[in-house]
Amino acid sequence: MERNDRNVFAGRNFRLVFFGALVSELGALLYSFAVSFYILEISNNNAFLQGLYLALCGLSMLLFTPVGGVLGDRYNKAKIMYSCDFIKGGMIILATILMLIFQKPDAHLTVLFVLGIAGNAVSGVFNPASGALLPRIVEENKLQQANSYFTIKSSLEGILGVILAGILYSAVPVYVLFFFVGACFVGSGFSELFIRYDHTPTDEKLTLKLAFRDMRDGLVYLKTKKAILSLLGVILFINFFFNPITGNFLPYFIKTDLSSAPSYLFSKVLTPELWLSVVNVLFGISSLAGAVILSAAEQPDKCGHKVAVRICFLAIVMVIWTLCYWYFIDRGVSMNAFLISLSLGTLVMGFFISYVNIPISTAIMRVVDKEMLSKVNSITSIGSQGMIPISSVLAGVILQTLGSTWLLVFCSAGFAVTAILMLLNKSIREL
């Protein structure tokens, strides 16, 4: 571990990890943007195919995340990371060459589906090792600052990356964009190639039996950490109730309420779809502001109670959104008033989510033994994301049968109950 009393960027290893992640995540954002539109373009706007692609990619990542957890605690994490980036970059470049050779849309769809499944399997191996590397190369009292910088990076990419993706997708052939994305992953791999930290290799040969044993050991270990286990349960339901807002409600609101409105705020310069971009940019800006403040703040010994209070504030925002939608949209009072309330609420949401995610990530890195961190990261990733597909389907049913107001009531009420239970949980207070 690098010791330094100054800014965390003084550490060579941290710089290599940070800039490697900056390049690869930019590539991932560009690819995600491009492939979604391209599948719709070559399939005559077949939304089912696009949804099937996303579902298979998500399932592939979930299935391989435990594998990444086992490998990350046994082998050199930096080697896993640059190997995965080289593999993923090579696969994207190879897939692009195949698409140039075989020009038919069906061939392109087949290549993209295979690439999506295989690429997300590689990401499932990459993520646990990546998440467990920071405590190895950063001092414990610098972890909050390090996580804050990563949030700043993600926020900036969320603001600027989508704009860049839209420009590139319109300006250059998709093949050029895909080649650029592949090069991004290869470049990230070269950055990670020079990461050095103390790693003691194991002499024990990895077998399938040992892999299952390691997964079981991760679950057993997690049971000894009551605060982490309680936090995992809370995150599971927070994601369950929050994901339908961004994944289901907002696109539905844009395509139905806003698109059918005779006029709305800035309608002369913003199409309904661009209003979704505005919401995303506002979220990124406020999230960035929160991360910048935390990057310079002192790292607390405990954060559980403060995080619970902040999640209660998020619950209040969701309740206010629900009331605003019911009053301004359902009752036909004012579309503009709801857009303003949505924008202001998004600013508050983005800020407080930084103040939730960064301390939680830091606390997990501090509390969990470094030798178990990859396995625990894989378990928490599966646990926190595992119910999102269910919530998306359920939200679609509620929207279709009952409408947006009832979906917002369901989500805000569930989120509020979860927040209150977190606030009352004694184990989380000790985190």
Protein backbone atom coordinates (compact mmCIF):
# COMPACT_ATOMS: atom_id res chain seq x y z
CA MET A 1 0.00 0.00 0.00
CA GLU A 2 1.26 3.46 -0.87
CA ARG A 3 1.67 5.76 2.10
CA ASN A 4 1.10 9.45 1.55
CA ASP A 5 -0.25 12.20 3.76
CA ARG A 6 -1.16 14.40 0.83
CA ASN A 7 -3.83 14.09 -1.82
CA VAL A 8 -4.58 10.53 -2.89
CA PHE A 9 -3.54 11.43 -6.46
CA ALA A 10 0.05 11.60 -5.19
CA GLY A 11 0.00 7.80 -5.27
CA ARG A 12 1.19 6.34 -8.60
CA ASN A 13 -1.00 3.25 -8.31
CA PHE A 14 -4.12 5.31 -7.71
CA ARG A 15 -3.41 7.46 -10.76
CA LEU A 16 -3.01 4.35 -12.92
CA VAL A 17 -6.28 2.85 -11.64
CA PHE A 18 -8.17 6.14 -11.95
CA PHE A 19 -7.12 6.99 -15.50
CA GLY A 20 -7.52 3.38 -16.59
CA ALA A 21 -11.08 3.42 -15.26
CA LEU A 22 -11.70 6.82 -16.87
CA VAL A 23 -10.81 5.49 -20.33
CA SER A 24 -12.58 2.11 -20.03
CA GLU A 25 -15.78 3.55 -18.53
CA LEU A 26 -15.90 6.19 -21.25
CA GLY A 27 -15.63 3.39 -23.78
CA ALA A 28 -18.36 1.42 -22.00
CA LEU A 29 -20.66 4.46 -22.00
CA LEU A 30 -20.09 5.13 -25.71
CA TYR A 31 -20.68 1.47 -26.54
CA SER A 32 -23.84 1.20 -24.43
CA PHE A 33 -25.27 4.32 -26.10
CA ALA A 34 -24.36 3.22 -29.61
CA VAL A 35 -25.40 -0.42 -29.39
CA SER A 36 -28.87 0.41 -28.03
CA PHE A 37 -29.64 2.71 -30.95
CA TYR A 38 -27.95 0.44 -33.48
CA ILE A 39 -30.00 -2.62 -32.49
CA LEU A 40 -33.18 -0.58 -32.91
CA GLU A 41 -31.90 0.78 -36.22
CA ILE A 42 -31.15 -2.60 -37.83
CA SER A 43 -34.19 -4.38 -36.35
CA ASN A 44 -36.84 -1.83 -37.43
CA ASN A 45 -37.31 -0.52 -33.88
CA ASN A 46 -37.89 -3.96 -32.37
CA ALA A 47 -38.08 -3.04 -28.67
CA PHE A 48 -38.38 -6.71 -27.69
CA LEU A 49 -34.98 -7.50 -29.22
CA GLN A 50 -33.42 -4.56 -27.43
CA GLY A 51 -34.97 -5.64 -24.12
CA LEU A 52 -33.83 -9.23 -24.67
CA TYR A 53 -30.30 -7.98 -25.32
CA LEU A 54 -30.24 -5.99 -22.07
CA ALA A 55 -31.72 -8.88 -20.08
CA LEU A 56 -29.18 -11.41 -21.37
CA CYS A 57 -26.31 -9.00 -20.73
CA GLY A 58 -27.48 -8.38 -17.17
CA LEU A 59 -27.95 -12.07 -16.47
CA SER A 60 -24.49 -12.87 -17.84
CA MET A 61 -22.89 -10.35 -15.50
CA LEU A 62 -24.80 -11.66 -12.47
CA LEU A 63 -23.76 -15.25 -13.22
CA PHE A 64 -20.06 -14.43 -13.55
CA THR A 65 -19.80 -11.96 -10.66
CA PRO A 66 -19.31 -14.76 -8.07
CA VAL A 67 -16.53 -16.15 -10.27
CA GLY A 68 -14.90 -12.73 -10.17
CA GLY A 69 -15.22 -12.68 -6.39
CA VAL A 70 -13.41 -16.01 -6.05
CA LEU A 71 -10.65 -15.08 -8.50
CA GLY A 72 -10.20 -11.60 -7.03
CA ASP A 73 -9.34 -12.91 -3.56
CA ARG A 74 -6.92 -15.57 -4.89
CA TYR A 75 -5.02 -13.84 -7.68
CA ASN A 76 -3.38 -10.50 -8.34
CA LYS A 77 -6.24 -8.03 -8.77
CA ALA A 78 -4.34 -5.77 -11.15
CA LYS A 79 -3.58 -8.74 -13.43
CA ILE A 80 -7.26 -9.69 -13.46
CA MET A 81 -8.20 -6.13 -14.37
CA TYR A 82 -5.80 -5.63 -17.27
CA SER A 83 -6.44 -9.14 -18.56
CA CYS A 84 -10.19 -8.46 -18.62
CA ASP A 85 -9.73 -5.08 -20.33
CA PHE A 86 -7.45 -6.57 -22.98
CA ILE A 87 -9.91 -9.42 -23.59
CA LYS A 88 -12.91 -7.11 -23.79
CA GLY A 89 -11.15 -4.63 -26.07
CA GLY A 90 -10.00 -7.46 -28.33
CA MET A 91 -13.51 -8.93 -28.49
CA ILE A 92 -15.02 -5.57 -29.50
CA ILE A 93 -12.42 -5.03 -32.23
CA LEU A 94 -12.91 -8.61 -33.51
CA ALA A 95 -16.69 -8.19 -33.47
CA THR A 96 -16.38 -4.96 -35.46
CA ILE A 97 -14.24 -6.71 -38.09
CA LEU A 98 -16.85 -9.50 -38.35
CA MET A 99 -19.59 -6.88 -38.82
CA LEU A 100 -17.57 -5.32 -41.65
CA ILE A 101 -17.19 -8.73 -43.30
CA PHE A 102 -20.81 -9.86 -42.82
CA GLN A 103 -23.00 -6.89 -43.74
CA LYS A 104 -26.49 -8.34 -43.22
CA PRO A 105 -28.54 -7.04 -40.24
CA ASP A 106 -29.16 -10.56 -38.90
CA ALA A 107 -25.42 -11.21 -38.83
CA HIS A 108 -24.86 -7.91 -36.98
CA LEU A 109 -27.53 -8.80 -34.43
CA THR A 110 -25.93 -12.20 -33.84
CA VAL A 111 -22.49 -10.64 -33.37
CA LEU A 112 -23.82 -7.98 -30.98
CA PHE A 113 -25.73 -10.52 -28.87
CA VAL A 114 -22.70 -12.81 -28.57
CA LEU A 115 -20.45 -9.85 -27.80
CA GLY A 116 -22.88 -8.48 -25.21
CA ILE A 117 -23.17 -11.78 -23.34
CA ALA A 118 -19.43 -12.52 -23.47
CA GLY A 119 -18.44 -8.94 -22.66
CA ASN A 120 -20.67 -8.76 -19.61
CA ALA A 121 -19.32 -12.11 -18.41
CA VAL A 122 -15.84 -10.54 -18.53
CA SER A 123 -17.19 -7.49 -16.66
CA GLY A 124 -18.58 -9.82 -14.00
CA VAL A 125 -15.04 -11.13 -13.42
CA PHE A 126 -13.52 -7.62 -13.59
CA ASN A 127 -15.79 -5.74 -11.16
CA PRO A 128 -15.11 -7.58 -7.85
CA ALA A 129 -11.34 -7.39 -8.37
CA SER A 130 -11.57 -3.71 -9.31
CA GLY A 131 -13.71 -2.91 -6.27
CA ALA A 132 -11.31 -4.71 -3.92
CA LEU A 133 -8.11 -3.10 -5.23
CA LEU A 134 -8.45 0.38 -3.70
CA PRO A 135 -7.87 -0.72 -0.06
CA ARG A 136 -4.68 -2.41 -1.28
CA ILE A 137 -3.20 0.72 -2.82
CA VAL A 138 -4.77 3.54 -0.75
CA GLU A 139 -4.39 4.27 2.95
CA GLU A 140 -7.50 3.62 5.02
CA ASN A 141 -7.90 7.30 5.97
CA LYS A 142 -7.82 8.22 2.25
CA LEU A 143 -10.55 5.83 1.10
CA GLN A 144 -13.36 8.40 1.25
CA GLN A 145 -11.30 10.80 -0.84
CA ALA A 146 -10.50 8.04 -3.35
CA ASN A 147 -14.16 6.99 -3.65
CA SER A 148 -15.16 10.64 -4.01
CA TYR A 149 -12.81 11.08 -6.97
CA PHE A 150 -14.29 8.01 -8.62
CA THR A 151 -17.78 9.45 -8.15
CA ILE A 152 -16.60 12.77 -9.61
CA LYS A 153 -15.26 10.86 -12.61
CA SER A 154 -18.53 8.96 -13.08
CA SER A 155 -20.57 12.16 -12.77
CA LEU A 156 -18.48 13.99 -15.36
CA GLU A 157 -18.73 11.03 -17.71
CA GLY A 158 -22.48 10.97 -17.16
CA ILE A 159 -22.73 14.65 -18.10
CA LEU A 160 -20.23 14.87 -20.96
CA GLY A 161 -20.11 11.26 -22.13
CA VAL A 162 -23.74 11.13 -23.26
CA ILE A 163 -23.27 14.35 -25.25
CA LEU A 164 -20.08 12.98 -26.84
CA ALA A 165 -21.81 9.67 -27.60
CA GLY A 166 -24.65 11.43 -29.38
CA ILE A 167 -22.24 13.52 -31.46
CA LEU A 168 -20.06 10.56 -32.43
CA TYR A 169 -22.99 8.30 -33.22
CA SER A 170 -24.35 10.92 -35.63
CA ALA A 171 -21.02 12.00 -37.10
CA VAL A 172 -19.06 8.79 -37.75
CA PRO A 173 -19.95 5.27 -38.98
CA VAL A 174 -20.82 2.88 -36.16
CA TYR A 175 -17.80 0.73 -37.06
CA VAL A 176 -15.45 3.62 -36.33
CA LEU A 177 -17.17 4.18 -32.99
CA PHE A 178 -16.88 0.49 -32.08
CA PHE A 179 -13.18 0.43 -33.01
CA PHE A 180 -12.67 3.48 -30.77
CA VAL A 181 -14.44 1.73 -27.89
CA GLY A 182 -12.23 -1.35 -28.31
CA ALA A 183 -9.16 0.89 -28.27
CA CYS A 184 -10.41 2.49 -25.02
CA PHE A 185 -10.45 -0.88 -23.26
CA VAL A 186 -7.02 -1.80 -24.62
CA GLY A 187 -5.67 1.57 -23.46
CA SER A 188 -7.15 1.02 -20.00
CA GLY A 189 -5.44 -2.38 -19.87
CA PHE A 190 -2.06 -0.78 -20.62
CA SER A 191 -2.58 1.69 -17.76
CA GLU A 192 -3.42 -1.11 -15.32
CA LEU A 193 -0.45 -3.15 -16.54
CA PHE A 194 1.91 -0.99 -14.44
CA ILE A 195 0.01 -1.24 -11.11
CA ARG A 196 2.19 -2.73 -8.37
CA TYR A 197 1.12 -3.79 -4.87
CA ASP A 198 2.05 -6.48 -2.36
CA HIS A 199 0.33 -9.72 -3.31
CA THR A 200 1.06 -13.15 -1.87
CA PRO A 201 0.14 -15.82 -4.44
CA THR A 202 -1.53 -18.99 -3.19
CA ASP A 203 -0.01 -22.42 -3.84
CA GLU A 204 -3.44 -24.05 -3.69
CA LYS A 205 -4.67 -25.04 -7.13
CA LEU A 206 -8.09 -23.58 -7.95
CA THR A 207 -10.68 -26.24 -8.70
CA LEU A 208 -14.45 -26.11 -9.08
CA LYS A 209 -14.81 -27.55 -5.58
CA LEU A 210 -12.55 -24.88 -4.11
CA ALA A 211 -14.42 -22.18 -6.04
CA PHE A 212 -17.75 -23.24 -4.50
CA ARG A 213 -16.06 -23.43 -1.11
CA ASP A 214 -14.77 -19.86 -1.51
CA MET A 215 -18.27 -18.65 -2.41
CA ARG A 216 -19.66 -20.41 0.66
CA ASP A 217 -16.91 -18.90 2.81
CA GLY A 218 -17.88 -15.45 1.54
CA LEU A 219 -21.49 -16.00 2.62
CA VAL A 220 -20.42 -17.38 6.01
CA TYR A 221 -18.06 -14.44 6.53
CA LEU A 222 -20.77 -11.96 5.61
CA LYS A 223 -23.02 -13.42 8.29
CA THR A 224 -20.45 -12.35 10.91
CA LYS A 225 -20.74 -8.74 9.75
CA LYS A 226 -24.24 -7.87 10.91
CA ALA A 227 -23.95 -4.23 9.93
CA ILE A 228 -22.92 -5.08 6.34
CA LEU A 229 -25.62 -7.74 6.11
CA SER A 230 -28.28 -5.30 7.34
CA LEU A 231 -26.99 -2.67 4.91
CA LEU A 232 -27.19 -5.17 2.06
CA GLY A 233 -30.85 -5.85 2.87
CA VAL A 234 -31.58 -2.14 2.87
CA ILE A 235 -29.80 -1.55 -0.46
CA LEU A 236 -31.72 -4.45 -1.97
CA PHE A 237 -35.08 -2.77 -1.26
CA ILE A 238 -33.83 0.75 -1.96
CA ASN A 239 -32.88 -0.34 -5.48
CA PHE A 240 -36.12 -2.29 -5.80
CA PHE A 241 -38.23 0.81 -5.12
CA PHE A 242 -35.98 3.45 -6.74
CA ASN A 243 -35.09 1.76 -10.04
CA PRO A 244 -38.67 1.97 -11.47
CA ILE A 245 -38.52 5.77 -11.16
CA THR A 246 -35.59 6.10 -13.55
CA GLY A 247 -36.11 2.95 -15.59
CA ASN A 248 -39.92 2.94 -16.01
CA PHE A 249 -41.62 6.13 -14.88
CA LEU A 250 -39.44 8.80 -16.49
CA PRO A 251 -39.43 7.32 -20.04
CA TYR A 252 -43.18 6.64 -19.73
CA PHE A 253 -43.82 10.20 -18.55
CA ILE A 254 -41.80 11.59 -21.45
CA LYS A 255 -43.56 9.44 -24.08
CA THR A 256 -47.11 9.96 -22.76
CA ASP A 257 -47.67 13.05 -20.62
CA LEU A 258 -44.97 15.35 -21.96
CA SER A 259 -45.20 14.34 -25.64
CA SER A 260 -48.98 14.87 -25.66
CA ALA A 261 -48.83 18.25 -23.90
CA PRO A 262 -49.74 21.21 -26.18
CA SER A 263 -46.83 23.16 -24.70
CA TYR A 264 -44.30 22.82 -21.91
CA LEU A 265 -41.28 24.56 -20.42
CA PHE A 266 -38.66 25.38 -23.12
CA SER A 267 -40.68 23.48 -25.73
CA LYS A 268 -39.22 25.70 -28.47
CA VAL A 269 -35.69 24.41 -27.82
CA LEU A 270 -36.18 21.05 -26.06
CA THR A 271 -37.94 18.03 -27.51
CA PRO A 272 -39.63 15.74 -24.95
CA GLU A 273 -36.71 13.28 -25.25
CA LEU A 274 -34.19 16.05 -24.54
CA TRP A 275 -35.97 16.75 -21.27
CA LEU A 276 -34.80 13.31 -20.13
CA SER A 277 -31.24 14.40 -20.95
CA VAL A 278 -31.79 17.56 -18.91
CA VAL A 279 -32.84 15.47 -15.92
CA ASN A 280 -29.75 13.26 -16.30
CA VAL A 281 -27.43 16.26 -16.58
CA LEU A 282 -28.94 17.89 -13.48
CA PHE A 283 -28.46 14.65 -11.58
CA GLY A 284 -24.84 14.43 -12.74
CA ILE A 285 -24.08 18.03 -11.78
CA SER A 286 -25.48 17.72 -8.25
CA SER A 287 -23.85 14.32 -7.76
CA LEU A 288 -20.56 15.86 -8.86
CA ALA A 289 -20.97 18.70 -6.35
CA GLY A 290 -21.56 16.24 -3.50
CA ALA A 291 -18.52 14.17 -4.49
CA VAL A 292 -16.29 17.27 -4.70
CA ILE A 293 -17.29 18.33 -1.17
CA LEU A 294 -16.72 14.83 0.24
CA SER A 295 -13.33 14.54 -1.48
CA ALA A 296 -12.04 17.34 0.77
CA ALA A 297 -13.98 16.34 3.91
CA GLU A 298 -12.55 14.41 6.83
CA GLN A 299 -13.34 10.70 6.75
CA PRO A 300 -15.58 9.81 9.75
CA ASP A 301 -15.10 6.73 11.90
CA LYS A 302 -18.78 5.80 11.57
CA CYS A 303 -21.32 6.82 8.97
CA GLY A 304 -24.30 4.45 9.36
CA HIS A 305 -26.68 6.83 11.19
CA LYS A 306 -25.88 9.79 8.93
CA VAL A 307 -26.44 7.68 5.81
CA ALA A 308 -29.80 6.51 7.19
CA VAL A 309 -30.85 10.14 7.77
CA ARG A 310 -29.84 11.07 4.22
CA ILE A 311 -31.87 8.20 2.80
CA CYS A 312 -34.85 9.53 4.74
CA PHE A 313 -34.35 12.86 2.94
CA LEU A 314 -34.40 10.98 -0.37
CA ALA A 315 -37.66 9.34 0.71
CA ILE A 316 -39.15 12.79 1.37
CA VAL A 317 -38.16 13.88 -2.16
CA MET A 318 -39.90 10.83 -3.62
CA VAL A 319 -43.06 11.54 -1.63
CA ILE A 320 -43.02 15.17 -2.85
CA TRP A 321 -42.59 13.97 -6.44
CA THR A 322 -45.62 11.71 -6.02
CA LEU A 323 -47.78 14.52 -4.65
CA CYS A 324 -46.60 16.91 -7.39
CA TYR A 325 -47.39 14.42 -10.14
CA TRP A 326 -50.83 13.70 -8.70
CA TYR A 327 -51.67 17.40 -8.34
CA PHE A 328 -49.96 18.95 -11.37
CA ILE A 329 -50.33 16.17 -13.98
CA ASP A 330 -53.18 13.89 -12.92
CA ARG A 331 -55.41 16.85 -12.13
CA GLY A 332 -54.16 18.80 -15.15
CA VAL A 333 -53.03 21.85 -13.17
CA SER A 334 -49.60 22.62 -14.70
CA MET A 335 -47.08 20.63 -16.70
CA ASN A 336 -44.44 23.33 -16.18
CA ALA A 337 -44.83 23.24 -12.41
CA PHE A 338 -44.18 19.49 -12.41
CA LEU A 339 -41.13 19.87 -14.66
CA ILE A 340 -39.74 22.45 -12.24
CA SER A 341 -40.43 20.21 -9.23
CA LEU A 342 -38.87 17.25 -11.08
CA SER A 343 -35.75 19.30 -11.86
CA LEU A 344 -35.35 20.63 -8.32
CA GLY A 345 -35.94 17.17 -6.85
CA THR A 346 -33.33 15.70 -9.20
CA LEU A 347 -30.75 18.21 -7.98
CA VAL A 348 -31.45 17.22 -4.37
CA MET A 349 -31.42 13.51 -5.27
CA GLY A 350 -28.06 13.64 -7.03
CA PHE A 351 -26.40 15.50 -4.15
CA PHE A 352 -27.68 13.20 -1.42
CA ILE A 353 -26.98 10.02 -3.41
CA SER A 354 -23.30 11.00 -3.46
CA TYR A 355 -23.53 11.47 0.30
CA VAL A 356 -24.97 7.95 0.56
CA ASN A 357 -22.93 5.94 -1.94
CA ILE A 358 -19.46 7.26 -1.11
CA PRO A 359 -19.64 6.66 2.68
CA ILE A 360 -21.20 3.22 2.14
CA SER A 361 -18.44 2.17 -0.28
CA THR A 362 -15.80 3.52 2.10
CA ALA A 363 -17.32 1.78 5.12
CA ILE A 364 -17.42 -1.60 3.36
CA MET A 365 -13.76 -1.23 2.35
CA ARG A 366 -12.83 -0.38 5.95
CA VAL A 367 -14.86 -3.05 7.74
CA VAL A 368 -14.35 -6.07 5.46
CA ASP A 369 -11.04 -7.95 5.64
CA LYS A 370 -8.98 -7.28 2.52
CA GLU A 371 -8.61 -11.01 1.86
CA MET A 372 -12.41 -11.35 1.67
CA LEU A 373 -13.27 -8.10 -0.07
CA SER A 374 -13.60 -9.44 -3.63
CA LYS A 375 -16.00 -12.20 -2.55
CA VAL A 376 -18.02 -9.80 -0.39
CA ASN A 377 -18.17 -7.28 -3.26
CA SER A 378 -19.50 -9.96 -5.59
CA ILE A 379 -22.15 -11.01 -3.06
CA THR A 380 -23.25 -7.44 -2.34
CA SER A 381 -23.38 -6.69 -6.08
CA ILE A 382 -25.62 -9.68 -6.75
CA GLY A 383 -27.73 -8.95 -3.67
CA SER A 384 -28.23 -5.27 -4.46
CA GLN A 385 -29.00 -5.78 -8.16
CA GLY A 386 -30.78 -9.13 -8.06
CA MET A 387 -34.33 -7.83 -7.65
CA ILE A 388 -34.12 -4.98 -10.17
CA PRO A 389 -35.45 -7.10 -13.09
CA ILE A 390 -38.45 -8.05 -10.91
CA SER A 391 -39.10 -4.42 -9.98
CA SER A 392 -38.91 -3.38 -13.63
CA VAL A 393 -41.50 -5.96 -14.68
CA LEU A 394 -43.77 -5.12 -11.73
CA ALA A 395 -43.49 -1.40 -12.49
CA GLY A 396 -44.51 -2.05 -16.09
CA VAL A 397 -47.61 -3.92 -14.93
CA ILE A 398 -48.58 -1.10 -12.54
CA LEU A 399 -48.06 1.54 -15.23
CA GLN A 400 -50.11 -0.41 -17.73
CA THR A 401 -53.03 -1.17 -15.41
CA LEU A 402 -53.13 1.62 -12.81
CA GLY A 403 -51.05 4.50 -14.18
CA SER A 404 -48.10 6.63 -13.11
CA THR A 405 -49.56 8.00 -9.89
CA TRP A 406 -50.03 4.55 -8.40
CA LEU A 407 -46.51 3.53 -9.44
CA LEU A 408 -45.13 6.60 -7.68
CA VAL A 409 -47.23 5.84 -4.61
CA PHE A 410 -45.94 2.26 -4.56
CA CYS A 411 -42.30 3.32 -4.97
CA SER A 412 -42.31 6.26 -2.57
CA ALA A 413 -44.18 4.35 0.14
CA GLY A 414 -41.85 1.34 -0.13
CA PHE A 415 -38.78 3.58 -0.17
CA ALA A 416 -40.03 5.51 2.89
CA VAL A 417 -40.67 2.32 4.89
CA THR A 418 -37.20 1.04 3.98
CA ALA A 419 -35.63 4.34 5.03
CA ILE A 420 -37.39 4.32 8.41
CA LEU A 421 -36.36 0.71 9.07
CA MET A 422 -32.78 1.62 8.23
CA LEU A 423 -32.91 4.57 10.61
CA LEU A 424 -34.11 2.27 13.43
CA ASN A 425 -31.61 -0.51 12.72
CA LYS A 426 -29.05 -0.69 15.53
CA SER A 427 -26.51 -2.70 13.52
CA ILE A 428 -26.28 -0.07 10.79
CA ARG A 429 -25.60 2.60 13.39
CA GLU A 430 -22.35 0.80 14.20
CA LEU A 431 -21.15 0.94 10.60
